Amino acid sequence: MARRYGTIYTAIWSDPDFRALPIAPQRAYLFLVSQPDLTYAGVIPVRLTGWANSAKAYTPKALRKDLDQLETGRFVITDPATDELLVRTFVRNDELWKQPKMMHRLKSDVELINSPKLLAVLQDELTRIPLEEASDRPPAGGGASPRKVAQAVIDDIVYGRFGPPALRGTHAGTPREA
């Protein structure tokens, strides 16, 4: 199911790195996070020509320059080998980790990532999620708390079947306590 909206936190305008960008890369970033086919993992196929058609007189070359500036600032990561782009902080900033159903969707979307490069960056980002901010209360109908669901999904993505071969399935490293 395609996303119907994208969350933009007003704090982005306080971020000195974002504010240091020219207007065009800022617009490109806002464009990317509002795309309906951006997955819940923050990944989207790169389509320069189609995206450039979103604004009058925009060209794929100009868009590529904007994406390069976003990548220099680590707002996005691209993999030319797979034509995929990751909005690096998407999962954390969209607060998907506070919503158990969205965490399960995230796990499904991670399975669709073709780029080992993007997967590695996403895994690193997932370890930075402030799980202490997620509710530890089980839902009224029963089941695991949002924090426990997020913990389990993150551990599976980072240390489980998607993790580095040496760690896969071992939950080695430093999985968080529930």
C-alpha atoms as a PDB file:
ATOM      1  CA  MET A   1       0.000   0.000   0.000  1.00  0.00           C
ATOM      2  CA  ALA A   2       1.377   3.404  -0.971  1.00  0.00           C
ATOM      3  CA  ARG A   3       1.979   6.003   1.696  1.00  0.00           C
ATOM      4  CA  ARG A   4      -0.555   8.823   1.671  1.00  0.00           C
ATOM      5  CA  TYR A   5       1.458  11.468   3.507  1.00  0.00           C
ATOM      6  CA  GLY A   6       4.932  12.187   4.804  1.00  0.00           C
ATOM      7  CA  THR A   7       5.878  13.642   8.157  1.00  0.00           C
ATOM      8  CA  ILE A   8       8.097  16.713   8.156  1.00  0.00           C
ATOM      9  CA  TYR A   9       9.182  17.859  11.591  1.00  0.00           C
ATOM     10  CA  THR A  10       9.418  21.604  11.993  1.00  0.00           C
ATOM     11  CA  ALA A  11      12.764  21.076  13.757  1.00  0.00           C
ATOM     12  CA  ILE A  12      14.297  20.498  10.327  1.00  0.00           C
ATOM     13  CA  TRP A  13      14.410  24.296   9.972  1.00  0.00           C
ATOM     14  CA  SER A  14      16.572  24.463  13.118  1.00  0.00           C
ATOM     15  CA  ASP A  15      19.052  21.925  11.782  1.00  0.00           C
ATOM     16  CA  PRO A  16      22.159  23.933  10.822  1.00  0.00           C
ATOM     17  CA  ASP A  17      23.211  21.315   8.258  1.00  0.00           C
ATOM     18  CA  PHE A  18      19.817  21.431   6.521  1.00  0.00           C
ATOM     19  CA  ARG A  19      19.704  25.231   6.669  1.00  0.00           C
ATOM     20  CA  ALA A  20      23.171  25.387   5.113  1.00  0.00           C
ATOM     21  CA  LEU A  21      21.875  23.662   1.991  1.00  0.00           C
ATOM     22  CA  PRO A  22      20.752  25.725  -0.995  1.00  0.00           C
ATOM     23  CA  ILE A  23      17.016  25.869  -1.653  1.00  0.00           C
ATOM     24  CA  ALA A  24      17.028  23.279  -4.470  1.00  0.00           C
ATOM     25  CA  PRO A  25      18.522  20.412  -2.399  1.00  0.00           C
ATOM     26  CA  GLN A  26      16.173  21.306   0.472  1.00  0.00           C
ATOM     27  CA  ARG A  27      13.254  21.050  -1.920  1.00  0.00           C
ATOM     28  CA  ALA A  28      14.594  17.768  -3.275  1.00  0.00           C
ATOM     29  CA  TYR A  29      14.722  16.355   0.255  1.00  0.00           C
ATOM     30  CA  LEU A  30      11.144  17.422   0.997  1.00  0.00           C
ATOM     31  CA  PHE A  31      10.128  15.968  -2.371  1.00  0.00           C
ATOM     32  CA  LEU A  32      11.729  12.612  -1.528  1.00  0.00           C
ATOM     33  CA  VAL A  33      10.164  12.205   1.917  1.00  0.00           C
ATOM     34  CA  SER A  34       6.728  12.935   0.464  1.00  0.00           C
ATOM     35  CA  GLN A  35       6.864  10.340  -2.335  1.00  0.00           C
ATOM     36  CA  PRO A  36       4.089   7.740  -2.141  1.00  0.00           C
ATOM     37  CA  ASP A  37       6.438   4.902  -3.088  1.00  0.00           C
ATOM     38  CA  LEU A  38       9.050   5.677  -0.441  1.00  0.00           C
ATOM     39  CA  THR A  39       9.048   2.487   1.622  1.00  0.00           C
ATOM     40  CA  TYR A  40       8.720   2.405   5.382  1.00  0.00           C
ATOM     41  CA  ALA A  41      12.436   1.578   5.387  1.00  0.00           C
ATOM     42  CA  GLY A  42      13.057   4.965   3.729  1.00  0.00           C
ATOM     43  CA  VAL A  43      14.146   3.469   0.391  1.00  0.00           C
ATOM     44  CA  ILE A  44      12.982   4.463  -3.073  1.00  0.00           C
ATOM     45  CA  PRO A  45      14.112   3.583  -6.605  1.00  0.00           C
ATOM     46  CA  VAL A  46      16.049   6.425  -8.226  1.00  0.00           C
ATOM     47  CA  ARG A  47      14.093   7.917 -11.141  1.00  0.00           C
ATOM     48  CA  LEU A  48      15.834  11.137 -12.097  1.00  0.00           C
ATOM     49  CA  THR A  49      13.870  11.825 -15.285  1.00  0.00           C
ATOM     50  CA  GLY A  50      10.465  11.252 -13.706  1.00  0.00           C
ATOM     51  CA  TRP A  51      11.340  13.246 -10.616  1.00  0.00           C
ATOM     52  CA  ALA A  52      12.742  16.123 -12.664  1.00  0.00           C
ATOM     53  CA  ASN A  53       9.355  16.374 -14.389  1.00  0.00           C
ATOM     54  CA  SER A  54       7.843  17.387 -11.024  1.00  0.00           C
ATOM     55  CA  ALA A  55       8.788  21.026 -11.569  1.00  0.00           C
ATOM     56  CA  LYS A  56       8.959  23.311 -14.565  1.00  0.00           C
ATOM     57  CA  ALA A  57      12.461  23.624 -16.046  1.00  0.00           C
ATOM     58  CA  TYR A  58      13.937  21.034 -13.651  1.00  0.00           C
ATOM     59  CA  THR A  59      16.346  18.634 -15.330  1.00  0.00           C
ATOM     60  CA  PRO A  60      17.755  15.239 -14.370  1.00  0.00           C
ATOM     61  CA  LYS A  61      21.217  16.844 -14.307  1.00  0.00           C
ATOM     62  CA  ALA A  62      20.082  19.543 -11.860  1.00  0.00           C
ATOM     63  CA  LEU A  63      18.336  16.951  -9.711  1.00  0.00           C
ATOM     64  CA  ARG A  64      21.482  14.779  -9.687  1.00  0.00           C
ATOM     65  CA  LYS A  65      23.428  17.808  -8.425  1.00  0.00           C
ATOM     66  CA  ASP A  66      20.839  18.317  -5.658  1.00  0.00           C
ATOM     67  CA  LEU A  67      20.993  14.644  -4.670  1.00  0.00           C
ATOM     68  CA  ASP A  68      24.790  14.808  -4.606  1.00  0.00           C
ATOM     69  CA  GLN A  69      24.593  17.723  -2.154  1.00  0.00           C
ATOM     70  CA  LEU A  70      22.112  15.804  -0.020  1.00  0.00           C
ATOM     71  CA  GLU A  71      24.431  12.804  -0.078  1.00  0.00           C
ATOM     72  CA  THR A  72      27.432  14.921   0.884  1.00  0.00           C
ATOM     73  CA  GLY A  73      25.440  16.040   3.933  1.00  0.00           C
ATOM     74  CA  ARG A  74      24.353  12.421   4.589  1.00  0.00           C
ATOM     75  CA  PHE A  75      20.680  13.292   4.281  1.00  0.00           C
ATOM     76  CA  VAL A  76      20.375  10.576   1.651  1.00  0.00           C
ATOM     77  CA  ILE A  77      22.537   7.667   0.574  1.00  0.00           C
ATOM     78  CA  THR A  78      22.410   6.360  -2.980  1.00  0.00           C
ATOM     79  CA  ASP A  79      23.663   3.153  -4.518  1.00  0.00           C
ATOM     80  CA  PRO A  80      24.236   3.511  -8.272  1.00  0.00           C
ATOM     81  CA  ALA A  81      24.724  -0.263  -8.534  1.00  0.00           C
ATOM     82  CA  THR A  82      21.081  -0.881  -7.563  1.00  0.00           C
ATOM     83  CA  ASP A  83      19.523   2.513  -8.418  1.00  0.00           C
ATOM     84  CA  GLU A  84      18.172   2.839  -4.885  1.00  0.00           C
ATOM     85  CA  LEU A  85      18.159   5.808  -2.521  1.00  0.00           C
ATOM     86  CA  LEU A  86      17.833   5.763   1.267  1.00  0.00           C
ATOM     87  CA  VAL A  87      16.527   8.745   3.216  1.00  0.00           C
ATOM     88  CA  ARG A  88      18.932   8.041   6.054  1.00  0.00           C
ATOM     89  CA  THR A  89      16.943   9.204   9.095  1.00  0.00           C
ATOM     90  CA  PHE A  90      13.484   8.419   7.734  1.00  0.00           C
ATOM     91  CA  VAL A  91      12.591   5.586  10.152  1.00  0.00           C
ATOM     92  CA  ARG A  92      13.787   7.529  13.178  1.00  0.00           C
ATOM     93  CA  ASN A  93      12.202  10.848  12.192  1.00  0.00           C
ATOM     94  CA  ASP A  94       8.906   9.339  11.078  1.00  0.00           C
ATOM     95  CA  GLU A  95       8.710   7.562  14.460  1.00  0.00           C
ATOM     96  CA  LEU A  96       7.622   4.293  12.883  1.00  0.00           C
ATOM     97  CA  TRP A  97       9.276   2.557  15.806  1.00  0.00           C
ATOM     98  CA  LYS A  98       6.458   3.762  18.084  1.00  0.00           C
ATOM     99  CA  GLN A  99       3.871   1.868  16.004  1.00  0.00           C
ATOM    100  CA  PRO A 100       3.985  -1.968  16.142  1.00  0.00           C
ATOM    101  CA  LYS A 101       2.134  -2.456  12.845  1.00  0.00           C
ATOM    102  CA  MET A 102       4.517  -0.101  11.076  1.00  0.00           C
ATOM    103  CA  MET A 103       7.512  -1.954  12.521  1.00  0.00           C
ATOM    104  CA  HIS A 104       6.255  -5.167  10.959  1.00  0.00           C
ATOM    105  CA  ARG A 105       5.819  -3.301   7.679  1.00  0.00           C
ATOM    106  CA  LEU A 106       9.362  -1.932   8.025  1.00  0.00           C
ATOM    107  CA  LYS A 107      10.678  -5.483   8.368  1.00  0.00           C
ATOM    108  CA  SER A 108       8.867  -6.496   5.154  1.00  0.00           C
ATOM    109  CA  ASP A 109      10.231  -3.443   3.342  1.00  0.00           C
ATOM    110  CA  VAL A 110      13.793  -4.214   4.466  1.00  0.00           C
ATOM    111  CA  GLU A 111      13.490  -7.533   2.632  1.00  0.00           C
ATOM    112  CA  LEU A 112      13.022  -5.557  -0.608  1.00  0.00           C
ATOM    113  CA  ILE A 113      16.308  -3.640  -0.317  1.00  0.00           C
ATOM    114  CA  ASN A 114      18.761  -4.830  -2.980  1.00  0.00           C
ATOM    115  CA  SER A 115      21.695  -2.684  -1.897  1.00  0.00           C
ATOM    116  CA  PRO A 116      24.054  -4.071   0.764  1.00  0.00           C
ATOM    117  CA  LYS A 117      25.354  -0.492   1.148  1.00  0.00           C
ATOM    118  CA  LEU A 118      21.916   0.927   1.976  1.00  0.00           C
ATOM    119  CA  LEU A 119      21.087  -2.006   4.239  1.00  0.00           C
ATOM    120  CA  ALA A 120      24.267  -1.412   6.252  1.00  0.00           C
ATOM    121  CA  VAL A 121      23.468   2.303   6.671  1.00  0.00           C
ATOM    122  CA  LEU A 122      19.876   1.505   7.665  1.00  0.00           C
ATOM    123  CA  GLN A 123      21.063  -1.053  10.212  1.00  0.00           C
ATOM    124  CA  ASP A 124      23.330   1.549  11.767  1.00  0.00           C
ATOM    125  CA  GLU A 125      20.468   4.060  11.864  1.00  0.00           C
ATOM    126  CA  LEU A 126      18.177   1.546  13.559  1.00  0.00           C
ATOM    127  CA  THR A 127      20.649   1.199  16.437  1.00  0.00           C
ATOM    128  CA  ARG A 128      20.278   4.952  17.030  1.00  0.00           C
ATOM    129  CA  ILE A 129      16.518   4.860  17.605  1.00  0.00           C
ATOM    130  CA  PRO A 130      15.618   6.112  21.108  1.00  0.00           C
ATOM    131  CA  LEU A 131      13.513   3.117  22.118  1.00  0.00           C
ATOM    132  CA  GLU A 132      13.124   4.530  25.618  1.00  0.00           C
ATOM    133  CA  GLU A 133      10.664   6.993  24.055  1.00  0.00           C
ATOM    134  CA  ALA A 134       8.366   4.177  22.854  1.00  0.00           C
ATOM    135  CA  SER A 135       5.577   3.027  25.134  1.00  0.00           C
ATOM    136  CA  ASP A 136       6.313   0.032  27.322  1.00  0.00           C
ATOM    137  CA  ARG A 137       2.601  -0.525  27.988  1.00  0.00           C
ATOM    138  CA  PRO A 138       1.004  -3.532  26.290  1.00  0.00           C
ATOM    139  CA  PRO A 139      -2.014  -2.689  24.134  1.00  0.00           C
ATOM    140  CA  ALA A 140      -5.458  -2.995  25.722  1.00  0.00           C
ATOM    141  CA  GLY A 141      -6.254  -6.061  23.615  1.00  0.00           C
ATOM    142  CA  GLY A 142      -3.070  -7.797  24.731  1.00  0.00           C
ATOM    143  CA  GLY A 143       0.222  -8.432  23.025  1.00  0.00           C
ATOM    144  CA  ALA A 144       3.663  -6.926  23.256  1.00  0.00           C
ATOM    145  CA  SER A 145       4.267  -3.256  23.976  1.00  0.00           C
ATOM    146  CA  PRO A 146       5.355  -0.953  21.146  1.00  0.00           C
ATOM    147  CA  ARG A 147       8.841  -0.852  22.687  1.00  0.00           C
ATOM    148  CA  LYS A 148       9.157  -4.655  22.757  1.00  0.00           C
ATOM    149  CA  VAL A 149       7.894  -4.981  19.182  1.00  0.00           C
ATOM    150  CA  ALA A 150      10.326  -2.313  17.970  1.00  0.00           C
ATOM    151  CA  GLN A 151      13.163  -3.962  19.914  1.00  0.00           C
ATOM    152  CA  ALA A 152      12.447  -7.364  18.374  1.00  0.00           C
ATOM    153  CA  VAL A 153      12.172  -6.033  14.820  1.00  0.00           C
ATOM    154  CA  ILE A 154      15.319  -3.921  15.135  1.00  0.00           C
ATOM    155  CA  ASP A 155      17.280  -6.812  16.625  1.00  0.00           C
ATOM    156  CA  ASP A 156      16.145  -9.074  13.784  1.00  0.00           C
ATOM    157  CA  ILE A 157      17.149  -6.540  11.126  1.00  0.00           C
ATOM    158  CA  VAL A 158      20.446  -5.564  12.752  1.00  0.00           C
ATOM    159  CA  TYR A 159      21.596  -8.848  14.305  1.00  0.00           C
ATOM    160  CA  GLY A 160      19.312 -11.463  12.774  1.00  0.00           C
ATOM    161  CA  ARG A 161      18.808 -12.696   9.254  1.00  0.00           C
ATOM    162  CA  PHE A 162      19.778  -9.381   7.646  1.00  0.00           C
ATOM    163  CA  GLY A 163      22.870  -8.799   9.763  1.00  0.00           C
ATOM    164  CA  PRO A 164      26.471  -9.374   8.803  1.00  0.00           C
ATOM    165  CA  PRO A 165      27.115 -13.089   8.147  1.00  0.00           C
ATOM    166  CA  ALA A 166      29.275 -13.391  11.253  1.00  0.00           C
ATOM    167  CA  LEU A 167      26.442 -12.075  13.424  1.00  0.00           C
ATOM    168  CA  ARG A 168      23.427 -13.471  11.577  1.00  0.00           C
ATOM    169  CA  GLY A 169      21.141 -15.338  13.920  1.00  0.00           C
ATOM    170  CA  THR A 170      23.452 -14.937  16.915  1.00  0.00           C
ATOM    171  CA  HIS A 171      22.104 -11.688  18.296  1.00  0.00           C
ATOM    172  CA  ALA A 172      25.730 -10.854  18.951  1.00  0.00           C
ATOM    173  CA  GLY A 173      26.832  -7.328  19.440  1.00  0.00           C
ATOM    174  CA  THR A 174      24.783  -5.320  21.892  1.00  0.00           C
ATOM    175  CA  PRO A 175      21.083  -5.940  21.374  1.00  0.00           C
ATOM    176  CA  ARG A 176      19.095  -3.762  23.710  1.00  0.00           C
ATOM    177  CA  GLU A 177      17.422  -5.055  26.801  1.00  0.00           C
ATOM    178  CA  ALA A 178      13.648  -5.231  26.548  1.00  0.00           C
END
